[in-house]
Amino acid sequence: MKNLTPTQTECLALLEKTAFVDLTTLDADGYPSSRAMMNLRCKETTPALADVHAEAANPLTIYFTTNTSSAKMREIAKSPKAAVYFYDAATFKGYLLQGVVENVTNEALKKRIWQPGWETYYPAGWEDFSVLKFTPARMKAYGNFSVTEENV
């Protein structure tokens, strides 16, 4: 794994504890469109996926799942630019990751990511199940009344 800066290490530690993050894509009119997403990097809610994330070249990569029929899939097809935001309310620290999101077409990886019980979210199964890979390029860390910006 790439050597992380102290700020990136703090970011990763919080990311691995945060069950939900906000994913922002650009809608058909070019406006930001944000929604809460289950954070598959969270070691408490999806511990079985730690290895999948560890294999990514970028140490802050995040995988998400969504319905293939969702508006976000159409938005991503039009523009892969995206942002992920999450925070710790107790410490007033937050992180904004900016980068690109792509639809994962590797069936073996999709099968590794699928978790028991997800039939609830994907009643049509594989026909309406997609995996997204978010790869950040930049990070903004908010805390202590300041903002730190870094490339990832």
Protein backbone atom coordinates (compact mmCIF):
# COMPACT_ATOMS: atom_id res chain seq x y z
CA MET A 1 0.00 0.00 0.00
CA LYS A 2 1.14 3.50 -0.82
CA ASN A 3 2.59 5.51 2.05
CA LEU A 4 -0.10 7.74 3.47
CA THR A 5 0.36 11.24 4.85
CA PRO A 6 -0.76 11.76 8.45
CA THR A 7 -3.93 13.49 7.19
CA GLN A 8 -4.68 10.61 4.80
CA THR A 9 -4.12 8.13 7.64
CA GLU A 10 -6.68 10.01 9.78
CA CYS A 11 -9.06 10.11 6.82
CA LEU A 12 -8.77 6.35 6.27
CA ALA A 13 -9.29 5.64 9.97
CA LEU A 14 -12.55 7.60 9.98
CA LEU A 15 -13.63 6.15 6.64
CA GLU A 16 -13.24 2.64 8.03
CA LYS A 17 -15.57 3.56 10.96
CA THR A 18 -18.26 5.45 9.02
CA ALA A 19 -21.27 3.37 7.96
CA PHE A 20 -22.68 5.90 5.48
CA VAL A 21 -21.06 8.57 3.33
CA ASP A 22 -22.47 11.12 0.90
CA LEU A 23 -21.76 10.47 -2.77
CA THR A 24 -22.18 13.43 -5.11
CA THR A 25 -22.41 13.08 -8.88
CA LEU A 26 -23.51 15.55 -11.56
CA ASP A 27 -27.10 15.30 -12.76
CA ALA A 28 -28.26 15.64 -16.38
CA ASP A 29 -28.33 19.44 -16.02
CA GLY A 30 -24.83 19.61 -14.50
CA TYR A 31 -26.01 20.23 -10.93
CA PRO A 32 -24.53 18.33 -7.96
CA SER A 33 -26.70 15.44 -6.85
CA SER A 34 -25.88 14.02 -3.40
CA ARG A 35 -27.17 10.94 -1.67
CA ALA A 36 -26.23 8.83 1.34
CA MET A 37 -24.54 5.57 0.39
CA MET A 38 -23.65 2.52 2.42
CA ASN A 39 -19.88 2.74 2.89
CA LEU A 40 -18.48 -0.67 2.01
CA ARG A 41 -15.14 0.35 3.55
CA CYS A 42 -16.71 0.37 7.03
CA LYS A 43 -15.11 -2.49 8.91
CA GLU A 44 -18.03 -2.79 11.34
CA THR A 45 -20.82 -3.10 8.77
CA THR A 46 -18.96 -4.90 5.94
CA PRO A 47 -15.86 -6.53 7.47
CA ALA A 48 -15.74 -9.16 4.72
CA LEU A 49 -14.84 -6.47 2.16
CA ALA A 50 -11.64 -5.23 3.84
CA ASP A 51 -9.52 -7.39 1.51
CA VAL A 52 -11.24 -6.02 -1.60
CA HIS A 53 -10.39 -2.46 -0.58
CA ALA A 54 -6.85 -3.39 0.45
CA GLU A 55 -6.17 -4.65 -3.07
CA ALA A 56 -6.97 -1.27 -4.68
CA ALA A 57 -4.01 0.71 -5.98
CA ASN A 58 -5.32 3.90 -4.34
CA PRO A 59 -5.50 3.42 -0.56
CA LEU A 60 -8.62 5.60 -0.27
CA THR A 61 -10.65 3.81 -2.97
CA ILE A 62 -14.26 3.12 -1.97
CA TYR A 63 -16.63 0.57 -3.49
CA PHE A 64 -20.38 1.13 -3.47
CA THR A 65 -23.34 -0.84 -4.72
CA THR A 66 -26.42 0.52 -6.41
CA ASN A 67 -29.32 -0.42 -8.61
CA THR A 68 -28.31 -0.56 -12.25
CA SER A 69 -31.57 1.25 -13.05
CA SER A 70 -30.75 4.21 -10.74
CA ALA A 71 -30.37 7.82 -11.86
CA LYS A 72 -26.82 7.83 -10.47
CA MET A 73 -25.80 5.19 -13.01
CA ARG A 74 -27.00 7.44 -15.83
CA GLU A 75 -25.20 10.41 -14.24
CA ILE A 76 -21.94 8.47 -13.93
CA ALA A 77 -22.18 7.30 -17.54
CA LYS A 78 -22.41 10.95 -18.60
CA SER A 79 -19.72 12.30 -16.24
CA PRO A 80 -17.48 10.18 -13.98
CA LYS A 81 -16.51 13.14 -11.76
CA ALA A 82 -17.74 12.62 -8.23
CA ALA A 83 -17.14 13.51 -4.60
CA VAL A 84 -17.50 11.64 -1.32
CA TYR A 85 -18.00 13.48 1.97
CA PHE A 86 -18.07 12.10 5.50
CA TYR A 87 -17.45 13.51 8.96
CA ASP A 88 -17.16 12.85 12.67
CA ALA A 89 -19.74 14.99 14.46
CA ALA A 90 -18.03 14.48 17.83
CA THR A 91 -14.74 16.03 16.69
CA PHE A 92 -16.04 18.37 13.96
CA LYS A 93 -13.65 16.76 11.47
CA GLY A 94 -14.74 16.05 7.92
CA TYR A 95 -13.21 14.86 4.67
CA LEU A 96 -14.09 15.60 1.08
CA LEU A 97 -12.65 13.22 -1.49
CA GLN A 98 -12.86 14.30 -5.13
CA GLY A 99 -12.22 11.94 -7.99
CA VAL A 100 -13.91 9.64 -10.46
CA VAL A 101 -16.43 6.86 -10.11
CA GLU A 102 -16.74 3.97 -12.53
CA ASN A 103 -19.08 1.07 -13.08
CA VAL A 104 -17.32 -2.21 -12.25
CA THR A 105 -17.91 -4.76 -14.99
CA ASN A 106 -15.66 -7.49 -13.59
CA GLU A 107 -18.15 -10.23 -12.65
CA ALA A 108 -15.71 -11.98 -10.29
CA LEU A 109 -15.21 -8.76 -8.30
CA LYS A 110 -18.96 -8.12 -8.22
CA LYS A 111 -19.49 -11.62 -6.81
CA ARG A 112 -16.84 -11.01 -4.13
CA ILE A 113 -18.58 -7.80 -3.10
CA TRP A 114 -22.12 -9.24 -2.98
CA GLN A 115 -23.17 -9.86 0.65
CA PRO A 116 -25.80 -12.24 2.04
CA GLY A 117 -29.07 -10.42 2.67
CA TRP A 118 -28.68 -7.89 -0.13
CA GLU A 119 -31.62 -9.49 -1.89
CA THR A 120 -33.65 -6.97 0.12
CA TYR A 121 -32.00 -4.10 -1.77
CA TYR A 122 -31.79 -5.92 -5.10
CA PRO A 123 -34.94 -8.04 -5.50
CA ALA A 124 -34.15 -8.46 -9.22
CA GLY A 125 -30.73 -9.83 -8.21
CA TRP A 126 -27.90 -9.48 -10.73
CA GLU A 127 -30.13 -7.86 -13.34
CA ASP A 128 -30.37 -4.69 -11.23
CA PHE A 129 -27.12 -4.86 -9.21
CA SER A 130 -24.10 -2.70 -9.98
CA VAL A 131 -20.82 -2.05 -8.20
CA LEU A 132 -19.22 1.37 -8.34
CA LYS A 133 -15.55 2.08 -7.73
CA PHE A 134 -14.72 5.58 -6.49
CA THR A 135 -11.06 6.56 -6.88
CA PRO A 136 -10.11 9.86 -5.24
CA ALA A 137 -7.52 12.20 -6.71
CA ARG A 138 -7.82 15.04 -4.19
CA MET A 139 -8.72 15.36 -0.55
CA LYS A 140 -9.83 18.26 1.61
CA ALA A 141 -9.67 17.75 5.36
CA TYR A 142 -11.76 20.04 7.55
CA GLY A 143 -11.01 20.45 11.23
CA ASN A 144 -9.64 22.77 13.87
CA PHE A 145 -11.08 25.72 11.94
CA SER A 146 -8.86 25.03 8.94
CA VAL A 147 -8.81 23.19 5.64
CA THR A 148 -5.94 21.01 4.43
CA GLU A 149 -5.80 20.07 0.75
CA GLU A 150 -3.76 17.19 -0.65
CA ASN A 151 -3.51 15.08 -3.76
CA VAL A 152 -4.17 11.42 -3.10
